[in-house]
Protein backbone atom coordinates (compact mmCIF):
# COMPACT_ATOMS: atom_id res chain seq x y z
CA MET A 1 -9.80 -53.52 25.14
CA ASP A 2 -10.37 -54.24 21.89
CA ASP A 3 -8.49 -55.85 18.74
CA ASN A 4 -6.31 -54.15 17.45
CA LYS A 5 -7.69 -51.87 14.44
CA THR A 6 -6.34 -48.92 12.71
CA PHE A 7 -8.38 -46.03 11.34
CA SER A 8 -7.95 -43.37 9.09
CA SER A 9 -8.15 -39.60 10.83
CA SER A 10 -9.52 -38.41 7.18
CA ALA A 11 -12.40 -40.77 8.07
CA ILE A 12 -13.40 -38.95 11.34
CA SER A 13 -15.81 -36.18 10.73
CA THR A 14 -15.21 -32.44 11.76
CA GLU A 15 -17.79 -33.11 14.22
CA GLN A 16 -16.79 -36.38 15.54
CA ASN A 17 -13.43 -34.69 16.04
CA ASN A 18 -15.18 -32.37 18.77
CA VAL A 19 -16.37 -35.23 20.89
CA PRO A 20 -15.08 -36.51 24.00
CA ILE A 21 -14.93 -40.32 24.06
CA HIS A 22 -15.17 -42.08 27.31
CA HIS A 23 -13.88 -45.52 27.64
CA SER A 24 -14.65 -47.68 30.16
CA VAL A 25 -13.78 -51.40 31.10
CA ILE A 26 -15.30 -53.70 33.59
CA PHE A 27 -13.34 -56.71 34.35
CA ILE A 28 -12.74 -59.61 36.35
CA PHE A 29 -9.13 -61.35 37.61
CA LYS A 30 -8.36 -65.14 36.71
CA ASP A 31 -8.45 -67.21 40.14
CA GLY A 32 -5.62 -67.36 41.97
CA MET A 33 -4.07 -64.13 41.36
CA THR A 34 -2.52 -62.59 45.02
CA ALA A 35 -2.97 -58.92 46.38
CA LEU A 36 0.75 -58.25 44.95
CA GLU A 37 -0.10 -59.50 41.26
CA LYS A 38 -3.31 -57.39 41.23
CA GLN A 39 -1.44 -54.19 42.59
CA ASP A 40 1.40 -54.99 39.96
CA PHE A 41 -1.33 -55.08 37.09
CA PHE A 42 -3.14 -51.45 38.08
CA ASP A 43 0.39 -50.17 38.24
CA ALA A 44 0.80 -51.39 34.62
CA VAL A 45 -2.08 -49.65 33.88
CA SER A 46 -1.63 -46.79 35.49
CA LYS A 47 1.44 -46.32 33.12
CA LEU A 48 -0.79 -46.31 29.90
CA THR A 49 -1.80 -42.49 31.19
CA THR A 50 1.29 -41.20 29.74
CA ILE A 51 0.43 -42.05 26.11
CA ASN A 52 -0.58 -38.65 24.71
CA GLY A 53 -4.35 -38.16 24.44
CA VAL A 54 -5.45 -39.53 27.84
CA GLU A 55 -7.19 -36.86 29.44
CA LYS A 56 -9.33 -38.42 32.42
CA PHE A 57 -7.99 -41.86 34.25
CA GLU A 58 -9.62 -43.82 36.98
CA ILE A 59 -9.32 -47.33 38.42
CA LEU A 60 -12.46 -48.49 40.33
CA LYS A 61 -13.58 -51.36 42.50
CA GLN A 62 -17.04 -52.58 42.38
CA THR A 63 -19.32 -51.95 45.14
CA SER A 64 -22.02 -53.85 44.09
CA VAL A 65 -23.14 -57.84 43.76
CA LYS A 66 -25.44 -57.00 40.78
CA ASN A 67 -23.03 -58.36 38.42
CA LYS A 68 -19.86 -60.64 38.62
CA PHE A 69 -17.38 -57.79 37.40
CA GLU A 70 -14.70 -56.62 40.50
CA TYR A 71 -12.82 -53.76 38.92
CA GLY A 72 -13.47 -50.97 36.37
CA ILE A 73 -11.17 -48.67 34.64
CA LEU A 74 -12.43 -45.39 32.81
CA MET A 75 -10.86 -43.10 30.40
CA GLU A 76 -11.78 -39.93 28.72
CA PHE A 77 -10.13 -39.17 25.48
CA LYS A 78 -10.97 -35.69 23.66
CA ASN A 79 -12.35 -37.11 20.28
CA MET A 80 -11.98 -40.41 18.26
CA GLU A 81 -8.87 -39.39 16.93
CA ALA A 82 -7.13 -39.19 19.91
CA TYR A 83 -8.49 -42.57 21.31
CA GLN A 84 -7.42 -44.31 18.25
CA TYR A 85 -4.22 -43.19 18.79
CA TYR A 86 -4.24 -44.53 22.36
CA ASN A 87 -5.86 -47.91 21.32
CA ASN A 88 -2.99 -48.67 18.64
CA HIS A 89 -0.24 -47.35 20.75
CA PRO A 90 2.73 -49.91 21.12
CA ASP A 91 2.61 -49.80 24.77
CA HIS A 92 -1.46 -50.35 24.94
CA VAL A 93 -0.77 -53.02 22.53
CA ALA A 94 1.86 -54.70 24.45
CA PHE A 95 -0.13 -54.32 27.84
CA VAL A 96 -3.00 -56.39 26.37
CA GLN A 97 -0.96 -59.20 25.11
CA ASN A 98 1.45 -59.38 27.99
CA ILE A 99 -0.71 -58.42 30.66
CA TRP A 100 -4.04 -57.92 30.49
CA LEU A 101 -4.91 -61.45 28.31
CA LYS A 102 -2.67 -63.68 31.10
CA GLN A 103 -4.22 -61.89 34.11
CA VAL A 104 -7.93 -60.96 33.55
CA GLU A 105 -10.45 -63.55 33.22
CA ASP A 106 -13.64 -61.73 31.45
CA PHE A 107 -14.80 -58.23 30.91
CA LEU A 108 -17.07 -55.88 29.12
CA GLU A 109 -15.71 -52.82 27.17
CA ILE A 110 -17.66 -49.82 26.24
CA ASP A 111 -16.53 -46.82 24.89
CA TYR A 112 -19.02 -43.96 24.28
CA GLU A 113 -19.53 -40.47 23.67
CA ALA A 114 -22.38 -38.12 25.23
CA MET A 115 -25.57 -37.68 23.38
CA GLY A 116 -26.32 -33.99 23.76
């Protein structure tokens, strides 16, 4: 997940306000995490779906050996404003600080919109 930046909704153009944002993060846990600890992590991630603006949500397990990452999280938001609301929400910030940073070894985050 990314750092805690704030954005003014007035800075978002009308065009961007109508473009869905796809938020994805792939990651690998720190060594030594038990299956129960991983399940607790996924349960905590799932609770983030209660934040207003989350429209789609999936937790995925990597099936390829093409990279080192084990799991993925995919989310979709109506627009950039909804994504920024989620990203700055106290529940999301607390999850990052109290769980993510302590349990995730490495990750790649991509936030993107459709081009057509």
